[in-house]
Amino acid sequence: MTPAARVQASIEILDEILAGIPVEKALTGWARRSRFAGSKDRAAVRDHVFDAVRCKRSFAALGGTYTGRGLMIGAVRAAGGNLEVLFSGDGYAPEPVSETEVTRGFASDAERYDIPDWLWPRFATSLGDDAVPTAQALQSRAPVHLRVNLLKADVSDAIMALGADGITACAHPACTTALQVTDGARKITQSQAYVDGLVELQDAASQAVVSSLELQPGMRVLDFCAGGGGKALALAAHHGVEVFAHDVDPGRMRDLPARAARASAKINLLATDEIASHAPFDVVLADVPCSGSGAWRRAPAGKWALTEQRLQDLTAIQGGILTQIAPLAGAGGTLAYATCSMLLDENDAVVDGFLAENPQWQDKLRYSWRVKHGTDGFFTAHLTR
């Protein structure tokens, strides 16, 4: 495929997404219909689509229309590309840009920085002076991070093993187990280092949430909202720590046994009705359902799907989970609350609300990782009684 043909394919996929089809489903459907497209073509089209979804509002303003074509015209203009070459109408290229497809001015900072209008005041209040640079960072692709599995390798060993498969990585300052991939990211899941369990894909701040727990041999830890199990695996990489994992939807943990086997990690999966019989725990970690605002570079559709009502519903769920898990922590134990959100509504406000209703608990630690740290946005609070 030519670069122009890739742009045309992206336009068609984006029109489907704007019509309500989920991003991954639209991309998969195009790939199945386009057997002629090679791996580089699919990767390039995927990048075009995700860039346009991240920057949907600003690209539409630059492109003049809120359509797949408008978004791609805006994308080329934002990148300083050549519209005449990419929109020539030749072969599989999109039709030339008309005189009416002109850039219009940004109506607001929210449009310029690709944040929903209703959310911008909350976003700005939550991030203060970091609001604009954070919003700008969310307009671009996220870095690729790996966690070194200390059960099988140290950092230098992992970097060497990745290098043997053509993947360049370096240590990331957010956490002692974190690597940032600087070249060869698309090769990771086929690399021997990954297949042998030396590394796992995990954002550096997500790793740092686990590292902040100061785990010691003999501790019993419950990952209450385990999901796919990334944090449970990080917990289990600490020697002598007994790890339990639970999720309200057990199906989310279906791949965890295989992942644990690859990592040589031991994780005990618990159904909801089994948790009480295994309590108390020294640490109860709840990485609760949230807006995902700290990870919108990776999952940009979530930015546009979030509504004010959904945010209110999420904060109620988050407070409810804290109340639910509090009795599971033993005397002197730690209740660790975490989100991949940068919004005060889901972070400090939820913790403050819990503490106001449960005065026997007190703050031990609060910390936020922001996108400016070169990670996803994360928050954690450690509570004790």
Protein backbone atom coordinates (compact mmCIF):
# COMPACT_ATOMS: atom_id res chain seq x y z
CA MET A 1 0.00 0.00 0.00
CA THR A 2 1.15 3.54 -0.73
CA PRO A 3 1.12 6.14 2.05
CA ALA A 4 -1.91 7.72 0.36
CA ALA A 5 -3.74 4.39 0.24
CA ARG A 6 -3.09 3.95 3.96
CA VAL A 7 -4.67 7.36 4.56
CA GLN A 8 -7.74 6.35 2.55
CA ALA A 9 -8.06 3.11 4.52
CA SER A 10 -7.81 5.10 7.75
CA ILE A 11 -10.57 7.43 6.57
CA GLU A 12 -12.92 4.49 5.98
CA ILE A 13 -12.12 2.95 9.39
CA LEU A 14 -12.58 6.28 11.17
CA ASP A 15 -15.99 6.77 9.55
CA GLU A 16 -17.02 3.42 11.07
CA ILE A 17 -15.70 4.46 14.47
CA LEU A 18 -17.53 7.79 14.31
CA ALA A 19 -20.68 5.82 13.49
CA GLY A 20 -20.32 3.91 16.77
CA ILE A 21 -18.26 0.82 15.94
CA PRO A 22 -15.56 0.13 18.61
CA VAL A 23 -12.02 0.95 17.52
CA GLU A 24 -10.61 -2.57 17.67
CA LYS A 25 -13.63 -4.05 15.92
CA ALA A 26 -13.35 -1.52 13.09
CA LEU A 27 -9.63 -2.22 12.68
CA THR A 28 -10.13 -5.99 12.76
CA GLY A 29 -12.92 -5.79 10.20
CA TRP A 30 -10.75 -3.77 7.82
CA ALA A 31 -7.83 -6.18 8.23
CA ARG A 32 -10.05 -9.16 7.39
CA ARG A 33 -11.38 -7.41 4.30
CA SER A 34 -7.90 -6.31 3.24
CA ARG A 35 -5.79 -9.45 2.93
CA PHE A 36 -3.51 -7.58 0.53
CA ALA A 37 -2.28 -5.36 3.36
CA GLY A 38 1.07 -6.39 4.78
CA SER A 39 2.14 -6.14 8.40
CA LYS A 40 3.72 -2.72 7.87
CA ASP A 41 0.53 -1.50 6.19
CA ARG A 42 -1.62 -2.73 9.09
CA ALA A 43 0.71 -1.14 11.62
CA ALA A 44 0.71 2.19 9.79
CA VAL A 45 -3.08 2.26 9.43
CA ARG A 46 -3.48 1.34 13.09
CA ASP A 47 -1.19 4.21 14.08
CA HIS A 48 -3.13 6.65 11.88
CA VAL A 49 -6.43 5.57 13.44
CA PHE A 50 -5.27 5.74 17.03
CA ASP A 51 -3.63 9.13 16.48
CA ALA A 52 -6.92 10.41 15.05
CA VAL A 53 -8.97 9.01 17.94
CA ARG A 54 -6.61 10.61 20.46
CA CYS A 55 -6.88 13.96 18.70
CA LYS A 56 -10.44 13.72 17.42
CA ARG A 57 -11.53 17.25 18.33
CA SER A 58 -8.39 19.13 17.29
CA PHE A 59 -7.98 17.17 14.03
CA ALA A 60 -11.63 17.83 13.14
CA ALA A 61 -11.04 21.55 13.67
CA LEU A 62 -7.87 21.46 11.55
CA GLY A 63 -9.56 19.34 8.89
CA GLY A 64 -12.75 21.34 8.71
CA THR A 65 -15.23 18.47 9.23
CA TYR A 66 -16.06 15.89 11.88
CA THR A 67 -15.63 12.94 9.49
CA GLY A 68 -12.95 10.36 8.83
CA ARG A 69 -11.75 12.49 5.94
CA GLY A 70 -11.74 15.63 8.06
CA LEU A 71 -9.76 13.88 10.80
CA MET A 72 -7.12 12.67 8.36
CA ILE A 73 -6.83 16.07 6.68
CA GLY A 74 -6.38 17.52 10.16
CA ALA A 75 -3.79 14.87 11.00
CA VAL A 76 -1.71 15.72 7.93
CA ARG A 77 -1.97 19.43 8.66
CA ALA A 78 -1.00 18.90 12.32
CA ALA A 79 2.08 16.94 11.24
CA GLY A 80 3.03 19.47 8.55
CA GLY A 81 2.54 16.84 5.84
CA ASN A 82 1.92 17.30 2.11
CA LEU A 83 -1.81 17.26 1.42
CA GLU A 84 -1.32 17.38 -2.35
CA VAL A 85 0.67 14.16 -2.31
CA LEU A 86 -1.54 12.23 0.12
CA PHE A 87 -4.86 13.55 -1.22
CA SER A 88 -4.18 13.37 -4.95
CA GLY A 89 -7.09 11.22 -6.09
CA ASP A 90 -4.67 8.97 -7.98
CA GLY A 91 -5.06 5.22 -7.64
CA TYR A 92 -6.25 4.45 -4.12
CA ALA A 93 -5.51 7.92 -2.76
CA PRO A 94 -8.34 10.04 -1.32
CA GLU A 95 -9.74 12.81 -3.49
CA PRO A 96 -7.92 16.18 -3.50
CA VAL A 97 -8.70 18.60 -0.70
CA SER A 98 -11.25 21.18 -1.82
CA GLU A 99 -11.24 24.90 -1.13
CA THR A 100 -14.08 24.41 1.38
CA GLU A 101 -12.09 21.96 3.55
CA VAL A 102 -10.32 24.66 5.49
CA THR A 103 -9.01 24.86 9.01
CA ARG A 104 -11.23 26.61 11.52
CA GLY A 105 -10.06 28.13 14.78
CA PHE A 106 -10.22 26.22 18.03
CA ALA A 107 -13.37 27.09 19.95
CA SER A 108 -11.79 26.40 23.35
CA ASP A 109 -8.74 25.01 25.12
CA ALA A 110 -10.72 21.78 25.57
CA GLU A 111 -10.98 21.45 21.77
CA ARG A 112 -7.35 22.45 21.19
CA TYR A 113 -6.10 19.88 23.70
CA ASP A 114 -8.65 17.15 22.97
CA ILE A 115 -10.54 16.97 26.26
CA PRO A 116 -14.37 16.86 26.51
CA ASP A 117 -15.82 20.31 27.32
CA TRP A 118 -17.58 19.16 30.50
CA LEU A 119 -14.37 17.55 31.79
CA TRP A 120 -11.89 20.37 31.13
CA PRO A 121 -12.60 22.31 34.37
CA ARG A 122 -12.15 19.14 36.46
CA PHE A 123 -9.06 18.18 34.48
CA ALA A 124 -7.53 21.63 34.95
CA THR A 125 -8.34 21.71 38.68
CA SER A 126 -6.92 18.23 39.20
CA LEU A 127 -3.64 18.88 37.39
CA GLY A 128 -3.06 22.58 37.99
CA ASP A 129 -0.01 23.84 36.09
CA ASP A 130 0.41 20.37 34.57
CA ALA A 131 -3.01 20.44 32.87
CA VAL A 132 -1.96 21.74 29.46
CA PRO A 133 1.29 19.73 29.12
CA THR A 134 -0.56 16.62 30.32
CA ALA A 135 -3.36 17.12 27.79
CA GLN A 136 -0.74 17.61 25.09
CA ALA A 137 1.00 14.40 26.15
CA LEU A 138 -2.32 12.54 25.93
CA GLN A 139 -2.48 13.57 22.27
CA SER A 140 0.55 11.41 21.49
CA ARG A 141 1.42 7.75 21.65
CA ALA A 142 2.38 6.19 25.00
CA PRO A 143 5.84 4.73 25.54
CA VAL A 144 6.22 0.97 25.83
CA HIS A 145 7.30 -0.28 29.25
CA LEU A 146 8.28 -3.72 30.48
CA ARG A 147 8.56 -5.16 33.98
CA VAL A 148 11.60 -7.30 34.65
CA ASN A 149 10.53 -10.49 36.41
CA LEU A 150 13.00 -10.72 39.28
CA LEU A 151 12.10 -14.37 39.79
CA LYS A 152 13.96 -15.10 36.54
CA ALA A 153 16.29 -12.23 35.69
CA ASP A 154 17.77 -8.94 36.78
CA VAL A 155 17.56 -5.75 34.77
CA SER A 156 20.85 -6.20 32.93
CA ASP A 157 20.02 -9.82 32.04
CA ALA A 158 16.64 -8.78 30.67
CA ILE A 159 18.12 -5.96 28.58
CA MET A 160 20.65 -8.36 27.09
CA ALA A 161 18.01 -10.99 26.34
CA LEU A 162 15.79 -8.43 24.63
CA GLY A 163 18.75 -7.16 22.64
CA ALA A 164 19.35 -10.64 21.28
CA ASP A 165 15.92 -10.40 19.66
CA GLY A 166 16.49 -6.93 18.23
CA ILE A 167 14.70 -5.02 21.01
CA THR A 168 16.46 -2.06 22.61
CA ALA A 169 15.45 -1.16 26.16
CA CYS A 170 16.81 0.94 29.01
CA ALA A 171 16.03 1.32 32.71
CA HIS A 172 13.14 3.64 33.61
CA PRO A 173 13.43 5.77 36.77
CA ALA A 174 9.85 5.21 37.98
CA CYS A 175 10.64 1.77 39.36
CA THR A 176 13.66 -0.50 39.77
CA THR A 177 12.01 -3.24 37.68
CA ALA A 178 10.89 -0.95 34.85
CA LEU A 179 12.32 -0.81 31.34
CA GLN A 180 11.40 1.51 28.50
CA VAL A 181 11.57 0.06 25.01
CA THR A 182 13.20 2.46 22.57
CA ASP A 183 13.32 0.22 19.48
CA GLY A 184 11.69 -3.00 18.35
CA ALA A 185 8.50 -2.74 20.43
CA ARG A 186 6.43 -4.69 17.91
CA LYS A 187 8.70 -7.72 18.41
CA ILE A 188 8.17 -8.03 22.16
CA THR A 189 5.50 -10.74 22.38
CA GLN A 190 7.43 -12.95 19.95
CA SER A 191 10.76 -12.46 21.71
CA GLN A 192 12.41 -15.24 23.70
CA ALA A 193 12.69 -12.94 26.73
CA TYR A 194 8.90 -12.55 26.78
CA VAL A 195 8.11 -16.21 25.98
CA ASP A 196 10.46 -17.35 28.77
CA GLY A 197 8.84 -15.00 31.30
CA LEU A 198 11.79 -12.69 31.86
CA VAL A 199 9.64 -9.64 31.11
CA GLU A 200 5.99 -8.60 31.12
CA LEU A 201 4.30 -5.66 29.43
CA GLN A 202 3.37 -3.25 32.22
CA ASP A 203 3.47 0.52 32.56
CA ALA A 204 6.24 1.78 34.83
CA ALA A 205 3.81 3.62 37.13
CA SER A 206 1.67 0.50 37.48
CA GLN A 207 4.82 -1.30 38.61
CA ALA A 208 5.63 1.54 40.98
CA VAL A 209 2.23 1.18 42.66
CA VAL A 210 3.27 -2.34 43.69
CA SER A 211 6.81 -1.29 44.59
CA SER A 212 5.45 1.39 46.95
CA LEU A 213 3.95 -1.32 49.18
CA GLU A 214 7.34 -2.22 50.72
CA LEU A 215 6.56 -5.93 50.77
CA GLN A 216 8.42 -8.26 53.10
CA PRO A 217 8.79 -12.08 53.16
CA GLY A 218 5.94 -13.73 55.00
CA MET A 219 3.32 -11.17 54.01
CA ARG A 220 -0.06 -12.26 52.67
CA VAL A 221 -1.38 -9.92 49.97
CA LEU A 222 -4.76 -9.78 48.26
CA ASP A 223 -5.11 -8.13 44.83
CA PHE A 224 -8.84 -7.52 45.08
CA CYS A 225 -9.47 -6.07 41.59
CA ALA A 226 -6.96 -8.22 39.73
CA GLY A 227 -8.32 -7.90 36.19
CA GLY A 228 -5.80 -9.53 33.86
CA GLY A 229 -3.38 -9.94 36.74
CA GLY A 230 -0.52 -7.55 35.93
CA LYS A 231 -0.18 -6.31 39.51
CA ALA A 232 -0.71 -9.79 40.96
CA LEU A 233 2.24 -11.00 38.89
CA ALA A 234 4.33 -8.06 40.09
CA LEU A 235 3.37 -8.86 43.68
CA ALA A 236 4.26 -12.53 43.21
CA ALA A 237 7.74 -11.60 41.98
CA HIS A 238 8.59 -10.62 45.59
CA HIS A 239 10.25 -13.61 47.28
CA GLY A 240 8.36 -15.00 50.26
CA VAL A 241 5.12 -13.05 49.62
CA GLU A 242 1.93 -15.11 49.39
CA VAL A 243 -0.34 -13.61 46.73
CA PHE A 244 -4.08 -13.99 46.32
CA ALA A 245 -5.98 -12.61 43.33
CA HIS A 246 -9.69 -11.89 42.96
CA ASP A 247 -11.90 -10.14 40.46
CA VAL A 248 -15.66 -9.66 40.52
CA ASP A 249 -15.60 -11.00 36.94
CA PRO A 250 -13.50 -14.18 37.11
CA GLY A 251 -13.31 -14.26 33.33
CA ARG A 252 -10.89 -11.34 33.42
CA MET A 253 -8.39 -13.62 35.19
CA ARG A 254 -8.72 -16.50 32.73
CA ASP A 255 -5.19 -16.02 31.32
CA LEU A 256 -3.58 -15.45 34.71
CA PRO A 257 -2.70 -19.10 35.46
CA ALA A 258 -0.82 -19.39 32.16
CA ARG A 259 0.90 -16.05 32.70
CA ALA A 260 1.89 -17.09 36.22
CA ALA A 261 3.29 -20.39 34.95
CA ARG A 262 5.39 -18.55 32.35
CA ALA A 263 6.69 -16.25 35.09
CA SER A 264 7.31 -19.11 37.57
CA ALA A 265 5.06 -17.23 39.98
CA LYS A 266 2.54 -18.65 42.42
CA ILE A 267 -0.83 -16.90 42.65
CA ASN A 268 -3.90 -18.19 44.47
CA LEU A 269 -7.11 -17.30 42.64
CA LEU A 270 -10.10 -16.65 44.91
CA ALA A 271 -13.80 -16.50 44.14
CA THR A 272 -15.75 -13.80 45.94
CA ASP A 273 -17.25 -16.24 48.44
CA GLU A 274 -13.79 -17.61 49.29
CA ILE A 275 -12.14 -14.36 50.35
CA ALA A 276 -13.44 -14.13 53.92
CA SER A 277 -12.07 -17.56 54.85
CA HIS A 278 -8.57 -16.49 53.82
CA ALA A 279 -8.62 -13.13 55.63
CA PRO A 280 -7.00 -11.26 57.27
CA PHE A 281 -4.33 -10.06 54.86
CA ASP A 282 -1.28 -7.92 55.54
CA VAL A 283 -2.00 -5.88 52.40
CA VAL A 284 -5.24 -5.51 50.48
CA LEU A 285 -4.67 -3.79 47.14
CA ALA A 286 -7.60 -2.46 45.13
CA ASP A 287 -6.78 -1.01 41.73
CA VAL A 288 -10.40 0.01 41.32
CA PRO A 289 -12.47 0.55 38.16
CA CYS A 290 -11.93 4.14 37.05
CA SER A 291 -12.08 6.57 34.15
CA GLY A 292 -8.67 5.40 32.94
CA SER A 293 -7.73 9.04 32.34
CA GLY A 294 -4.11 8.29 33.12
CA ALA A 295 -4.01 5.72 30.31
CA TRP A 296 -5.94 7.58 27.63
CA ARG A 297 -2.90 7.53 25.36
CA ARG A 298 -3.29 3.74 25.20
CA ALA A 299 -7.09 3.59 25.20
CA PRO A 300 -8.18 6.94 23.73
CA ALA A 301 -11.77 5.90 23.05
CA GLY A 302 -12.33 5.96 26.83
CA LYS A 303 -11.75 9.72 26.84
CA TRP A 304 -14.72 10.31 24.58
CA ALA A 305 -16.94 7.66 26.15
CA LEU A 306 -16.68 9.13 29.67
CA THR A 307 -19.67 11.20 30.78
CA GLU A 308 -20.31 13.23 33.90
CA GLN A 309 -22.86 10.66 35.04
CA ARG A 310 -20.44 7.80 34.45
CA LEU A 311 -17.78 9.60 36.50
CA GLN A 312 -20.24 10.00 39.37
CA ASP A 313 -21.15 6.31 39.12
CA LEU A 314 -17.48 5.36 39.19
CA THR A 315 -16.74 7.37 42.33
CA ALA A 316 -19.65 5.65 44.08
CA ILE A 317 -18.27 2.25 43.03
CA GLN A 318 -14.77 3.22 44.20
CA GLY A 319 -15.98 4.32 47.62
CA GLY A 320 -18.04 1.16 47.92
CA ILE A 321 -15.04 -1.05 47.18
CA LEU A 322 -12.94 0.69 49.85
CA THR A 323 -15.70 0.10 52.40
CA GLN A 324 -16.06 -3.53 51.28
CA ILE A 325 -12.38 -4.45 51.54
CA ALA A 326 -11.52 -2.56 54.74
CA PRO A 327 -12.42 -5.50 57.05
CA LEU A 328 -10.11 -7.79 55.08
CA ALA A 329 -6.94 -6.03 56.26
CA GLY A 330 -5.53 -7.34 59.52
CA ALA A 331 -4.48 -5.26 62.51
CA GLY A 332 -1.61 -3.05 61.42
CA GLY A 333 -2.20 -4.06 57.82
CA THR A 334 -2.34 -1.79 54.79
CA LEU A 335 -5.34 -0.89 52.70
CA ALA A 336 -3.92 0.20 49.35
CA TYR A 337 -6.22 2.11 47.02
CA ALA A 338 -5.11 2.75 43.43
CA THR A 339 -6.44 4.14 40.17
CA CYS A 340 -5.04 4.81 36.71
CA SER A 341 -6.76 8.20 36.89
CA MET A 342 -5.47 11.73 37.27
CA LEU A 343 -8.79 13.21 38.44
CA LEU A 344 -9.20 14.38 42.02
CA ASP A 345 -12.79 13.10 41.94
CA GLU A 346 -11.53 9.50 41.79
CA ASN A 347 -8.43 9.89 43.91
CA ASP A 348 -8.15 12.20 46.92
CA ALA A 349 -11.89 12.84 47.07
CA VAL A 350 -12.72 9.14 47.34
CA VAL A 351 -10.05 8.53 49.98
CA ASP A 352 -11.10 11.61 51.96
CA GLY A 353 -14.71 10.46 51.86
CA PHE A 354 -13.74 7.03 53.18
CA LEU A 355 -11.62 8.48 55.99
CA ALA A 356 -14.42 10.84 57.02
CA GLU A 357 -16.79 7.90 57.41
CA ASN A 358 -14.18 5.58 58.97
CA PRO A 359 -12.14 7.62 61.48
CA GLN A 360 -10.35 4.50 62.73
CA TRP A 361 -8.36 4.56 59.47
CA GLN A 362 -5.63 7.07 58.74
CA ASP A 363 -3.32 8.12 55.93
CA LYS A 364 0.01 6.40 55.63
CA LEU A 365 0.99 7.49 52.12
CA ARG A 366 -0.45 9.20 49.04
CA TYR A 367 1.36 9.50 45.75
CA SER A 368 0.54 10.43 42.17
CA TRP A 369 2.46 9.52 39.04
CA ARG A 370 1.74 11.91 36.20
CA VAL A 371 2.29 11.65 32.49
CA LYS A 372 5.15 14.17 32.81
CA HIS A 373 7.07 11.44 34.66
CA GLY A 374 7.13 9.45 31.42
CA THR A 375 4.49 6.99 32.64
CA ASP A 376 0.75 6.59 32.63
CA GLY A 377 -1.07 8.66 35.24
CA PHE A 378 -1.57 6.67 38.45
CA PHE A 379 -2.58 7.39 42.04
CA THR A 380 -2.23 5.34 45.18
CA ALA A 381 -3.08 5.83 48.84
CA HIS A 382 -2.01 3.56 51.70
CA LEU A 383 -4.31 3.53 54.72
CA THR A 384 -3.81 1.88 58.09
CA ARG A 385 -5.65 1.69 61.41
